[in-house]
Amino acid sequence: EGKPYQQVIFVYEVFASDNVQPNRGEV
């Protein structure tokens, strides 16, 4: 939005049960 933005991002591997189907969440 025209202004400087800085993030520190931690990226993990994650696990769930086989063949998961995402539900309707917030996004």
PDB file of all heavy atoms in Angstrom:
ATOM      1  N   GLU A   1       0.831  -1.205   0.000  1.00  0.00           N
ATOM      2  CA  GLU A   1       0.000   0.000   0.000  1.00  0.00           C
ATOM      3  C   GLU A   1       0.869   1.260   0.000  1.00  0.00           C
ATOM      4  O   GLU A   1       0.596   2.230   0.703  1.00  0.00           O
ATOM      5  CB  GLU A   1      -0.983  -0.002   1.176  1.00  0.00           C
ATOM      6  CG  GLU A   1      -1.992  -1.135   1.088  1.00  0.00           C
ATOM      7  CD  GLU A   1      -2.977  -1.176   2.247  1.00  0.00           C
ATOM      8  OE1 GLU A   1      -2.743  -0.495   3.274  1.00  0.00           O
ATOM      9  OE2 GLU A   1      -3.986  -1.895   2.124  1.00  0.00           O
ATOM     10  N   GLY A   2       1.960   1.195  -0.784  1.00  0.00           N
ATOM     11  CA  GLY A   2       2.829   2.340  -0.973  1.00  0.00           C
ATOM     12  C   GLY A   2       3.801   2.622   0.162  1.00  0.00           C
ATOM     13  O   GLY A   2       4.491   3.637   0.143  1.00  0.00           O
ATOM     14  N   LYS A   3       3.858   1.735   1.161  1.00  0.00           N
ATOM     15  CA  LYS A   3       4.726   1.966   2.312  1.00  0.00           C
ATOM     16  C   LYS A   3       5.603   0.746   2.576  1.00  0.00           C
ATOM     17  O   LYS A   3       5.225  -0.390   2.269  1.00  0.00           O
ATOM     18  CB  LYS A   3       3.883   2.278   3.547  1.00  0.00           C
ATOM     19  CG  LYS A   3       3.085   3.556   3.354  1.00  0.00           C
ATOM     20  CD  LYS A   3       2.374   3.977   4.577  1.00  0.00           C
ATOM     21  CE  LYS A   3       1.650   5.295   4.257  1.00  0.00           C
ATOM     22  NZ  LYS A   3       0.829   5.753   5.285  1.00  0.00           N
ATOM     23  N   PRO A   4       6.796   0.976   3.158  1.00  0.00           N
ATOM     24  CA  PRO A   4       7.703  -0.147   3.451  1.00  0.00           C
ATOM     25  C   PRO A   4       7.095  -1.116   4.464  1.00  0.00           C
ATOM     26  O   PRO A   4       6.458  -0.700   5.435  1.00  0.00           O
ATOM     27  CB  PRO A   4       8.941   0.530   4.053  1.00  0.00           C
ATOM     28  CG  PRO A   4       8.830   1.973   3.698  1.00  0.00           C
ATOM     29  CD  PRO A   4       7.376   2.261   3.535  1.00  0.00           C
ATOM     30  N   TYR A   5       7.288  -2.410   4.207  1.00  0.00           N
ATOM     31  CA  TYR A   5       6.791  -3.464   5.087  1.00  0.00           C
ATOM     32  C   TYR A   5       7.910  -4.473   5.258  1.00  0.00           C
ATOM     33  O   TYR A   5       8.577  -4.836   4.292  1.00  0.00           O
ATOM     34  CB  TYR A   5       5.567  -4.146   4.465  1.00  0.00           C
ATOM     35  CG  TYR A   5       4.652  -4.813   5.461  1.00  0.00           C
ATOM     36  CD1 TYR A   5       3.359  -4.351   5.660  1.00  0.00           C
ATOM     37  CD2 TYR A   5       5.059  -5.922   6.192  1.00  0.00           C
ATOM     38  CE1 TYR A   5       2.499  -4.963   6.553  1.00  0.00           C
ATOM     39  CE2 TYR A   5       4.210  -6.535   7.102  1.00  0.00           C
ATOM     40  CZ  TYR A   5       2.935  -6.052   7.281  1.00  0.00           C
ATOM     41  OH  TYR A   5       2.082  -6.646   8.174  1.00  0.00           O
ATOM     42  N   GLN A   6       8.136  -4.897   6.474  1.00  0.00           N
ATOM     43  CA  GLN A   6       9.177  -5.888   6.751  1.00  0.00           C
ATOM     44  C   GLN A   6       8.591  -6.996   7.611  1.00  0.00           C
ATOM     45  O   GLN A   6       7.862  -6.727   8.566  1.00  0.00           O
ATOM     46  CB  GLN A   6      10.364  -5.233   7.460  1.00  0.00           C
ATOM     47  CG  GLN A   6      11.533  -6.166   7.664  1.00  0.00           C
ATOM     48  CD  GLN A   6      12.800  -5.419   8.061  1.00  0.00           C
ATOM     49  OE1 GLN A   6      12.888  -4.207   7.944  1.00  0.00           O
ATOM     50  NE2 GLN A   6      13.785  -6.159   8.504  1.00  0.00           N
ATOM     51  N   GLN A   7       8.931  -8.253   7.250  1.00  0.00           N
ATOM     52  CA  GLN A   7       8.469  -9.427   7.989  1.00  0.00           C
ATOM     53  C   GLN A   7       9.652 -10.333   8.277  1.00  0.00           C
ATOM     54  O   GLN A   7      10.591 -10.414   7.494  1.00  0.00           O
ATOM     55  CB  GLN A   7       7.501 -10.276   7.159  1.00  0.00           C
ATOM     56  CG  GLN A   7       6.207  -9.663   6.811  1.00  0.00           C
ATOM     57  CD  GLN A   7       5.379 -10.601   5.931  1.00  0.00           C
ATOM     58  OE1 GLN A   7       5.877 -11.174   4.975  1.00  0.00           O
ATOM     59  NE2 GLN A   7       4.123 -10.742   6.269  1.00  0.00           N
ATOM     60  N   VAL A   8       9.535 -11.060   9.368  1.00  0.00           N
ATOM     61  CA  VAL A   8      10.382 -12.217   9.612  1.00  0.00           C
ATOM     62  C   VAL A   8       9.428 -13.405   9.554  1.00  0.00           C
ATOM     63  O   VAL A   8       8.439 -13.451  10.295  1.00  0.00           O
ATOM     64  CB  VAL A   8      11.091 -12.142  10.979  1.00  0.00           C
ATOM     65  CG1 VAL A   8      11.874 -13.423  11.245  1.00  0.00           C
ATOM     66  CG2 VAL A   8      12.008 -10.924  11.027  1.00  0.00           C
ATOM     67  N   ILE A   9       9.693 -14.338   8.622  1.00  0.00           N
ATOM     68  CA  ILE A   9       8.781 -15.461   8.379  1.00  0.00           C
ATOM     69  C   ILE A   9       9.464 -16.765   8.769  1.00  0.00           C
ATOM     70  O   ILE A   9      10.563 -17.071   8.292  1.00  0.00           O
ATOM     71  CB  ILE A   9       8.371 -15.530   6.902  1.00  0.00           C
ATOM     72  CG1 ILE A   9       7.792 -14.200   6.425  1.00  0.00           C
ATOM     73  CG2 ILE A   9       7.372 -16.675   6.688  1.00  0.00           C
ATOM     74  CD1 ILE A   9       7.575 -14.139   4.919  1.00  0.00           C
ATOM     75  N   PHE A  10       8.807 -17.548   9.609  1.00  0.00           N
ATOM     76  CA  PHE A  10       9.261 -18.892   9.963  1.00  0.00           C
ATOM     77  C   PHE A  10       8.453 -19.879   9.120  1.00  0.00           C
ATOM     78  O   PHE A  10       7.223 -19.874   9.186  1.00  0.00           O
ATOM     79  CB  PHE A  10       9.026 -19.167  11.452  1.00  0.00           C
ATOM     80  CG  PHE A  10       9.847 -18.301  12.363  1.00  0.00           C
ATOM     81  CD1 PHE A  10       9.377 -17.058  12.774  1.00  0.00           C
ATOM     82  CD2 PHE A  10      11.087 -18.733  12.799  1.00  0.00           C
ATOM     83  CE1 PHE A  10      10.139 -16.254  13.619  1.00  0.00           C
ATOM     84  CE2 PHE A  10      11.855 -17.933  13.638  1.00  0.00           C
ATOM     85  CZ  PHE A  10      11.378 -16.695  14.045  1.00  0.00           C
ATOM     86  N   VAL A  11       9.153 -20.709   8.334  1.00  0.00           N
ATOM     87  CA  VAL A  11       8.490 -21.668   7.454  1.00  0.00           C
ATOM     88  C   VAL A  11       8.778 -23.083   7.961  1.00  0.00           C
ATOM     89  O   VAL A  11       9.934 -23.502   8.035  1.00  0.00           O
ATOM     90  CB  VAL A  11       8.980 -21.543   5.996  1.00  0.00           C
ATOM     91  CG1 VAL A  11       8.195 -22.492   5.091  1.00  0.00           C
ATOM     92  CG2 VAL A  11       8.871 -20.106   5.500  1.00  0.00           C
ATOM     93  N   TYR A  12       7.722 -23.815   8.302  1.00  0.00           N
ATOM     94  CA  TYR A  12       7.842 -25.174   8.833  1.00  0.00           C
ATOM     95  C   TYR A  12       7.272 -26.191   7.863  1.00  0.00           C
ATOM     96  O   TYR A  12       6.370 -25.880   7.080  1.00  0.00           O
ATOM     97  CB  TYR A  12       7.055 -25.304  10.145  1.00  0.00           C
ATOM     98  CG  TYR A  12       7.658 -24.579  11.304  1.00  0.00           C
ATOM     99  CD1 TYR A  12       7.264 -23.279  11.631  1.00  0.00           C
ATOM    100  CD2 TYR A  12       8.618 -25.193  12.103  1.00  0.00           C
ATOM    101  CE1 TYR A  12       7.804 -22.614  12.709  1.00  0.00           C
ATOM    102  CE2 TYR A  12       9.172 -24.531  13.188  1.00  0.00           C
ATOM    103  CZ  TYR A  12       8.757 -23.241  13.489  1.00  0.00           C
ATOM    104  OH  TYR A  12       9.301 -22.578  14.560  1.00  0.00           O
ATOM    105  N   GLU A  13       7.754 -27.433   7.959  1.00  0.00           N
ATOM    106  CA  GLU A  13       7.040 -28.523   7.315  1.00  0.00           C
ATOM    107  C   GLU A  13       5.934 -28.918   8.283  1.00  0.00           C
ATOM    108  O   GLU A  13       6.119 -28.889   9.499  1.00  0.00           O
ATOM    109  CB  GLU A  13       7.957 -29.701   6.995  1.00  0.00           C
ATOM    110  CG  GLU A  13       8.558 -30.388   8.194  1.00  0.00           C
ATOM    111  CD  GLU A  13       9.425 -31.583   7.838  1.00  0.00           C
ATOM    112  OE1 GLU A  13       9.242 -32.163   6.755  1.00  0.00           O
ATOM    113  OE2 GLU A  13      10.295 -31.920   8.648  1.00  0.00           O
ATOM    114  N   VAL A  14       4.762 -29.208   7.737  1.00  0.00           N
ATOM    115  CA  VAL A  14       3.644 -29.634   8.570  1.00  0.00           C
ATOM    116  C   VAL A  14       3.055 -30.917   8.005  1.00  0.00           C
ATOM    117  O   VAL A  14       3.222 -31.233   6.826  1.00  0.00           O
ATOM    118  CB  VAL A  14       2.550 -28.534   8.697  1.00  0.00           C
ATOM    119  CG1 VAL A  14       3.095 -27.309   9.408  1.00  0.00           C
ATOM    120  CG2 VAL A  14       1.961 -28.167   7.370  1.00  0.00           C
ATOM    121  N   PHE A  15       2.380 -31.670   8.879  1.00  0.00           N
ATOM    122  CA  PHE A  15       1.818 -32.963   8.509  1.00  0.00           C
ATOM    123  C   PHE A  15       0.361 -33.039   8.940  1.00  0.00           C
ATOM    124  O   PHE A  15      -0.024 -32.467   9.952  1.00  0.00           O
ATOM    125  CB  PHE A  15       2.589 -34.090   9.199  1.00  0.00           C
ATOM    126  CG  PHE A  15       4.062 -34.041   8.925  1.00  0.00           C
ATOM    127  CD1 PHE A  15       4.930 -33.446   9.825  1.00  0.00           C
ATOM    128  CD2 PHE A  15       4.577 -34.577   7.760  1.00  0.00           C
ATOM    129  CE1 PHE A  15       6.293 -33.386   9.579  1.00  0.00           C
ATOM    130  CE2 PHE A  15       5.941 -34.522   7.498  1.00  0.00           C
ATOM    131  CZ  PHE A  15       6.797 -33.926   8.408  1.00  0.00           C
ATOM    132  N   ALA A  16      -0.424 -33.751   8.156  1.00  0.00           N
ATOM    133  CA  ALA A  16      -1.824 -34.007   8.490  1.00  0.00           C
ATOM    134  C   ALA A  16      -2.128 -35.428   8.041  1.00  0.00           C
ATOM    135  O   ALA A  16      -1.306 -36.082   7.407  1.00  0.00           O
ATOM    136  CB  ALA A  16      -2.731 -32.999   7.792  1.00  0.00           C
ATOM    137  N   SER A  17      -3.325 -35.903   8.352  1.00  0.00           N
ATOM    138  CA  SER A  17      -3.700 -37.243   7.922  1.00  0.00           C
ATOM    139  C   SER A  17      -3.747 -37.306   6.398  1.00  0.00           C
ATOM    140  O   SER A  17      -3.838 -36.287   5.723  1.00  0.00           O
ATOM    141  CB  SER A  17      -5.060 -37.624   8.510  1.00  0.00           C
ATOM    142  OG  SER A  17      -6.047 -36.713   8.078  1.00  0.00           O
ATOM    143  N   ASP A  18      -3.665 -38.495   5.832  1.00  0.00           N
ATOM    144  CA  ASP A  18      -3.658 -38.675   4.378  1.00  0.00           C
ATOM    145  C   ASP A  18      -4.901 -38.092   3.717  1.00  0.00           C
ATOM    146  O   ASP A  18      -5.990 -38.118   4.278  1.00  0.00           O
ATOM    147  CB  ASP A  18      -3.567 -40.161   4.019  1.00  0.00           C
ATOM    148  CG  ASP A  18      -2.205 -40.743   4.356  1.00  0.00           C
ATOM    149  OD1 ASP A  18      -1.236 -39.964   4.457  1.00  0.00           O
ATOM    150  OD2 ASP A  18      -2.120 -41.969   4.520  1.00  0.00           O
ATOM    151  N   ASN A  19      -4.690 -37.569   2.515  1.00  0.00           N
ATOM    152  CA  ASN A  19      -5.768 -37.057   1.673  1.00  0.00           C
ATOM    153  C   ASN A  19      -6.691 -36.078   2.390  1.00  0.00           C
ATOM    154  O   ASN A  19      -7.899 -36.233   2.399  1.00  0.00           O
ATOM    155  CB  ASN A  19      -6.587 -38.213   1.088  1.00  0.00           C
ATOM    156  CG  ASN A  19      -5.738 -39.087   0.193  1.00  0.00           C
ATOM    157  OD1 ASN A  19      -4.926 -38.600  -0.578  1.00  0.00           O
ATOM    158  ND2 ASN A  19      -5.897 -40.393   0.323  1.00  0.00           N
ATOM    159  N   VAL A  20      -6.095 -35.087   2.994  1.00  0.00           N
ATOM    160  CA  VAL A  20      -6.893 -34.081   3.687  1.00  0.00           C
ATOM    161  C   VAL A  20      -7.582 -33.166   2.687  1.00  0.00           C
ATOM    162  O   VAL A  20      -7.060 -32.875   1.623  1.00  0.00           O
ATOM    163  CB  VAL A  20      -6.033 -33.229   4.650  1.00  0.00           C
ATOM    164  CG1 VAL A  20      -5.504 -34.069   5.773  1.00  0.00           C
ATOM    165  CG2 VAL A  20      -4.906 -32.528   3.925  1.00  0.00           C
ATOM    166  N   GLN A  21      -8.752 -32.740   3.035  1.00  0.00           N
ATOM    167  CA  GLN A  21      -9.505 -31.785   2.232  1.00  0.00           C
ATOM    168  C   GLN A  21      -9.737 -30.552   3.089  1.00  0.00           C
ATOM    169  O   GLN A  21     -10.350 -30.644   4.142  1.00  0.00           O
ATOM    170  CB  GLN A  21     -10.847 -32.374   1.789  1.00  0.00           C
ATOM    171  CG  GLN A  21     -10.709 -33.543   0.851  1.00  0.00           C
ATOM    172  CD  GLN A  21      -9.966 -33.183  -0.426  1.00  0.00           C
ATOM    173  OE1 GLN A  21     -10.171 -32.116  -0.990  1.00  0.00           O
ATOM    174  NE2 GLN A  21      -9.084 -34.061  -0.874  1.00  0.00           N
ATOM    175  N   PRO A  22      -9.226 -29.419   2.646  1.00  0.00           N
ATOM    176  CA  PRO A  22      -9.435 -28.215   3.450  1.00  0.00           C
ATOM    177  C   PRO A  22     -10.908 -27.856   3.541  1.00  0.00           C
ATOM    178  O   PRO A  22     -11.655 -27.995   2.579  1.00  0.00           O
ATOM    179  CB  PRO A  22      -8.660 -27.136   2.708  1.00  0.00           C
ATOM    180  CG  PRO A  22      -8.176 -27.723   1.440  1.00  0.00           C
ATOM    181  CD  PRO A  22      -8.470 -29.185   1.441  1.00  0.00           C
ATOM    182  N   ASN A  23     -11.309 -27.444   4.725  1.00  0.00           N
ATOM    183  CA  ASN A  23     -12.665 -26.945   4.935  1.00  0.00           C
ATOM    184  C   ASN A  23     -12.678 -25.476   4.593  1.00  0.00           C
ATOM    185  O   ASN A  23     -11.653 -24.850   4.425  1.00  0.00           O
ATOM    186  CB  ASN A  23     -13.080 -27.124   6.405  1.00  0.00           C
ATOM    187  CG  ASN A  23     -13.141 -28.573   6.802  1.00  0.00           C
ATOM    188  OD1 ASN A  23     -13.445 -29.431   5.984  1.00  0.00           O
ATOM    189  ND2 ASN A  23     -12.845 -28.847   8.050  1.00  0.00           N
ATOM    190  N   ARG A  24     -13.839 -24.938   4.529  1.00  0.00           N
ATOM    191  CA  ARG A  24     -13.948 -23.506   4.295  1.00  0.00           C
ATOM    192  C   ARG A  24     -13.488 -22.803   5.557  1.00  0.00           C
ATOM    193  O   ARG A  24     -14.145 -22.848   6.573  1.00  0.00           O
ATOM    194  CB  ARG A  24     -15.406 -23.144   4.011  1.00  0.00           C
ATOM    195  CG  ARG A  24     -15.539 -21.810   3.363  1.00  0.00           C
ATOM    196  CD  ARG A  24     -15.787 -22.073   1.896  1.00  0.00           C
ATOM    197  NE  ARG A  24     -16.064 -20.926   1.104  1.00  0.00           N
ATOM    198  CZ  ARG A  24     -15.249 -20.569   0.131  1.00  0.00           C
ATOM    199  NH1 ARG A  24     -14.113 -21.180  -0.049  1.00  0.00           N
ATOM    200  NH2 ARG A  24     -15.572 -19.589  -0.659  1.00  0.00           N
ATOM    201  N   GLY A  25     -12.347 -22.178   5.495  1.00  0.00           N
ATOM    202  CA  GLY A  25     -11.820 -21.428   6.626  1.00  0.00           C
ATOM    203  C   GLY A  25     -11.977 -19.941   6.382  1.00  0.00           C
ATOM    204  O   GLY A  25     -12.892 -19.506   5.692  1.00  0.00           O
ATOM    205  N   GLU A  26     -11.050 -19.174   6.915  1.00  0.00           N
ATOM    206  CA  GLU A  26     -11.106 -17.722   6.796  1.00  0.00           C
ATOM    207  C   GLU A  26     -10.652 -17.207   5.439  1.00  0.00           C
ATOM    208  O   GLU A  26     -10.922 -16.069   5.094  1.00  0.00           O
ATOM    209  CB  GLU A  26     -10.230 -17.077   7.882  1.00  0.00           C
ATOM    210  CG  GLU A  26     -10.728 -17.304   9.285  1.00  0.00           C
ATOM    211  CD  GLU A  26      -9.834 -16.660  10.329  1.00  0.00           C
ATOM    212  OE1 GLU A  26      -8.742 -16.177   9.992  1.00  0.00           O
ATOM    213  OE2 GLU A  26     -10.250 -16.640  11.490  1.00  0.00           O
ATOM    214  N   VAL A  27      -9.910 -18.024   4.685  1.00  0.00           N
ATOM    215  CA  VAL A  27      -9.348 -17.583   3.407  1.00  0.00           C
ATOM    216  C   VAL A  27      -9.608 -18.640   2.332  1.00  0.00           C
ATOM    217  O   VAL A  27      -9.993 -19.756   2.627  1.00  0.00           O
ATOM    218  CB  VAL A  27      -7.820 -17.322   3.522  1.00  0.00           C
ATOM    219  CG1 VAL A  27      -7.530 -16.213   4.506  1.00  0.00           C
ATOM    220  CG2 VAL A  27      -7.084 -18.580   3.915  1.00  0.00           C
TER     221      VAL A  27
END
